Amino acid sequence: MEAIPWAAIVPLLVLAVGFVGYCLFDLSRSEVRHLPKWAWALVCLLSIPVGGIVYLLVGRETSADR
């Protein structure tokens, strides 16, 4: 059994946690489309990083949408 390459895994985990944290912070301060905020939070948390990308592209209301 080989050792786990922690030097490669830790930076990816830090990036994933930071990205989800950014998405949740943005979610708390923005208006959303298509789903309620709690549903977007679940999407972001349960499907890292795809959920956050979908939220940023589809779920966040922009100034042009208002």
N, C-alpha and C. Protein backbone atom coordinates (compact mmCIF):
# COMPACT_ATOMS: atom_id res chain seq x y z
N MET A 1 0.84 -1.18 0.00
CA MET A 1 0.00 0.00 0.00
C MET A 1 0.89 1.24 0.00
N GLU A 2 0.58 2.16 -0.91
CA GLU A 2 1.38 3.37 -1.02
C GLU A 2 0.88 4.44 -0.07
N ALA A 3 1.77 5.34 0.28
CA ALA A 3 1.42 6.44 1.17
C ALA A 3 0.53 7.44 0.42
N ILE A 4 -0.32 8.11 1.16
CA ILE A 4 -1.20 9.12 0.57
C ILE A 4 -0.37 10.38 0.28
N PRO A 5 -0.47 10.92 -0.93
CA PRO A 5 0.32 12.11 -1.29
C PRO A 5 -0.32 13.39 -0.73
N TRP A 6 -0.13 13.62 0.56
CA TRP A 6 -0.76 14.77 1.22
C TRP A 6 -0.33 16.10 0.63
N ALA A 7 0.88 16.18 0.11
CA ALA A 7 1.35 17.43 -0.48
C ALA A 7 0.53 17.81 -1.71
N ALA A 8 -0.10 16.86 -2.34
CA ALA A 8 -0.95 17.14 -3.50
C ALA A 8 -2.42 17.31 -3.09
N ILE A 9 -2.85 16.64 -2.04
CA ILE A 9 -4.25 16.67 -1.64
C ILE A 9 -4.61 17.91 -0.83
N VAL A 10 -3.76 18.33 0.06
CA VAL A 10 -4.07 19.46 0.95
C VAL A 10 -4.35 20.75 0.17
N PRO A 11 -3.56 21.14 -0.81
CA PRO A 11 -3.90 22.37 -1.56
C PRO A 11 -5.25 22.28 -2.27
N LEU A 12 -5.59 21.11 -2.79
CA LEU A 12 -6.89 20.94 -3.43
C LEU A 12 -8.03 21.08 -2.43
N LEU A 13 -7.85 20.53 -1.24
CA LEU A 13 -8.87 20.68 -0.20
C LEU A 13 -9.02 22.12 0.24
N VAL A 14 -7.92 22.82 0.37
CA VAL A 14 -7.97 24.24 0.76
C VAL A 14 -8.69 25.05 -0.32
N LEU A 15 -8.41 24.79 -1.58
CA LEU A 15 -9.09 25.49 -2.67
C LEU A 15 -10.59 25.18 -2.68
N ALA A 16 -10.95 23.92 -2.46
CA ALA A 16 -12.36 23.53 -2.46
C ALA A 16 -13.11 24.19 -1.31
N VAL A 17 -12.52 24.20 -0.11
CA VAL A 17 -13.16 24.83 1.04
C VAL A 17 -13.28 26.34 0.82
N GLY A 18 -12.24 26.95 0.28
CA GLY A 18 -12.29 28.38 -0.01
C GLY A 18 -13.34 28.73 -1.05
N PHE A 19 -13.46 27.92 -2.08
CA PHE A 19 -14.45 28.16 -3.12
C PHE A 19 -15.87 28.04 -2.58
N VAL A 20 -16.12 27.00 -1.81
CA VAL A 20 -17.45 26.82 -1.22
C VAL A 20 -17.73 27.96 -0.24
N GLY A 21 -16.73 28.37 0.53
CA GLY A 21 -16.91 29.49 1.45
C GLY A 21 -17.26 30.76 0.70
N TYR A 22 -16.58 31.01 -0.42
CA TYR A 22 -16.89 32.19 -1.23
C TYR A 22 -18.32 32.12 -1.76
N CYS A 23 -18.73 30.95 -2.26
CA CYS A 23 -20.08 30.80 -2.81
C CYS A 23 -21.13 31.03 -1.72
N LEU A 24 -20.91 30.49 -0.53
CA LEU A 24 -21.88 30.67 0.55
C LEU A 24 -21.92 32.12 1.02
N PHE A 25 -20.77 32.77 1.07
CA PHE A 25 -20.73 34.20 1.44
C PHE A 25 -21.48 35.03 0.41
N ASP A 26 -21.22 34.77 -0.87
CA ASP A 26 -21.90 35.50 -1.94
C ASP A 26 -23.40 35.21 -1.91
N LEU A 27 -23.76 33.98 -1.63
CA LEU A 27 -25.16 33.59 -1.55
C LEU A 27 -25.89 34.34 -0.44
N SER A 28 -25.21 34.56 0.67
CA SER A 28 -25.84 35.26 1.79
C SER A 28 -26.06 36.74 1.50
N ARG A 29 -25.31 37.30 0.57
CA ARG A 29 -25.39 38.73 0.30
C ARG A 29 -26.08 39.08 -1.02
N SER A 30 -26.44 38.10 -1.83
CA SER A 30 -26.99 38.35 -3.16
C SER A 30 -28.43 37.88 -3.26
N GLU A 31 -29.10 38.41 -4.27
CA GLU A 31 -30.41 37.88 -4.66
C GLU A 31 -30.17 36.68 -5.57
N VAL A 32 -31.09 35.73 -5.56
CA VAL A 32 -30.90 34.51 -6.34
C VAL A 32 -32.07 34.30 -7.30
N ARG A 33 -31.83 33.45 -8.28
CA ARG A 33 -32.85 33.07 -9.25
C ARG A 33 -33.08 31.57 -9.20
N HIS A 34 -34.25 31.13 -9.63
CA HIS A 34 -34.61 29.75 -9.89
C HIS A 34 -34.83 28.88 -8.65
N LEU A 35 -34.10 29.05 -7.57
CA LEU A 35 -34.24 28.25 -6.35
C LEU A 35 -34.16 29.17 -5.14
N PRO A 36 -34.71 28.73 -4.00
CA PRO A 36 -34.50 29.52 -2.77
C PRO A 36 -33.04 29.44 -2.31
N LYS A 37 -32.65 30.36 -1.46
CA LYS A 37 -31.25 30.41 -1.00
C LYS A 37 -30.83 29.11 -0.32
N TRP A 38 -31.71 28.52 0.50
CA TRP A 38 -31.33 27.29 1.20
C TRP A 38 -31.05 26.16 0.21
N ALA A 39 -31.78 26.12 -0.90
CA ALA A 39 -31.55 25.08 -1.91
C ALA A 39 -30.22 25.31 -2.63
N TRP A 40 -29.90 26.57 -2.93
CA TRP A 40 -28.60 26.86 -3.54
C TRP A 40 -27.47 26.49 -2.59
N ALA A 41 -27.66 26.74 -1.29
CA ALA A 41 -26.62 26.36 -0.32
C ALA A 41 -26.40 24.86 -0.34
N LEU A 42 -27.47 24.08 -0.40
CA LEU A 42 -27.33 22.62 -0.48
C LEU A 42 -26.63 22.19 -1.76
N VAL A 43 -26.99 22.81 -2.87
CA VAL A 43 -26.35 22.48 -4.15
C VAL A 43 -24.85 22.76 -4.06
N CYS A 44 -24.49 23.90 -3.49
CA CYS A 44 -23.06 24.26 -3.37
C CYS A 44 -22.32 23.29 -2.46
N LEU A 45 -22.95 22.87 -1.37
CA LEU A 45 -22.28 22.00 -0.41
C LEU A 45 -22.21 20.54 -0.85
N LEU A 46 -23.23 20.08 -1.56
CA LEU A 46 -23.29 18.66 -1.89
C LEU A 46 -22.59 18.29 -3.19
N SER A 47 -22.31 19.24 -4.03
CA SER A 47 -21.65 18.91 -5.29
C SER A 47 -20.50 19.88 -5.56
N ILE A 48 -19.46 19.72 -4.78
CA ILE A 48 -18.28 20.57 -4.90
C ILE A 48 -17.45 20.09 -6.09
N PRO A 49 -16.96 20.88 -6.96
CA PRO A 49 -17.13 22.31 -7.16
C PRO A 49 -18.24 22.65 -8.15
N VAL A 50 -18.88 21.64 -8.74
CA VAL A 50 -19.87 21.88 -9.79
C VAL A 50 -21.04 22.72 -9.27
N GLY A 51 -21.49 22.46 -8.05
CA GLY A 51 -22.61 23.21 -7.50
C GLY A 51 -22.32 24.69 -7.39
N GLY A 52 -21.12 25.03 -6.95
CA GLY A 52 -20.74 26.44 -6.85
C GLY A 52 -20.64 27.11 -8.21
N ILE A 53 -20.12 26.38 -9.18
CA ILE A 53 -20.01 26.93 -10.53
C ILE A 53 -21.40 27.18 -11.10
N VAL A 54 -22.31 26.22 -10.92
CA VAL A 54 -23.68 26.39 -11.41
C VAL A 54 -24.35 27.57 -10.72
N TYR A 55 -24.16 27.69 -9.39
CA TYR A 55 -24.74 28.83 -8.68
C TYR A 55 -24.21 30.15 -9.24
N LEU A 56 -22.91 30.26 -9.43
CA LEU A 56 -22.33 31.52 -9.92
C LEU A 56 -22.78 31.85 -11.34
N LEU A 57 -22.97 30.85 -12.18
CA LEU A 57 -23.36 31.09 -13.56
C LEU A 57 -24.87 31.25 -13.75
N VAL A 58 -25.67 30.49 -12.99
CA VAL A 58 -27.11 30.44 -13.24
C VAL A 58 -27.92 31.05 -12.09
N GLY A 59 -27.52 30.79 -10.86
CA GLY A 59 -28.37 31.13 -9.73
C GLY A 59 -28.24 32.54 -9.20
N ARG A 60 -27.13 33.19 -9.46
CA ARG A 60 -26.91 34.53 -8.91
C ARG A 60 -27.57 35.55 -9.82
N GLU A 61 -28.36 36.43 -9.21
CA GLU A 61 -29.01 37.49 -9.97
C GLU A 61 -28.01 38.63 -10.19
N THR A 62 -27.89 39.06 -11.42
CA THR A 62 -26.97 40.15 -11.74
C THR A 62 -27.74 41.46 -11.82
N SER A 63 -27.03 42.55 -11.93
CA SER A 63 -27.69 43.85 -12.03
C SER A 63 -28.49 43.97 -13.32
N ALA A 64 -28.12 43.25 -14.36
CA ALA A 64 -28.87 43.29 -15.61
C ALA A 64 -30.22 42.57 -15.47
N ASP A 65 -30.32 41.63 -14.50
CA ASP A 65 -31.55 40.88 -14.31
C ASP A 65 -32.62 41.66 -13.56
N ARG A 66 -32.23 42.69 -12.86
CA ARG A 66 -33.18 43.43 -12.01
C ARG A 66 -34.08 44.32 -12.77
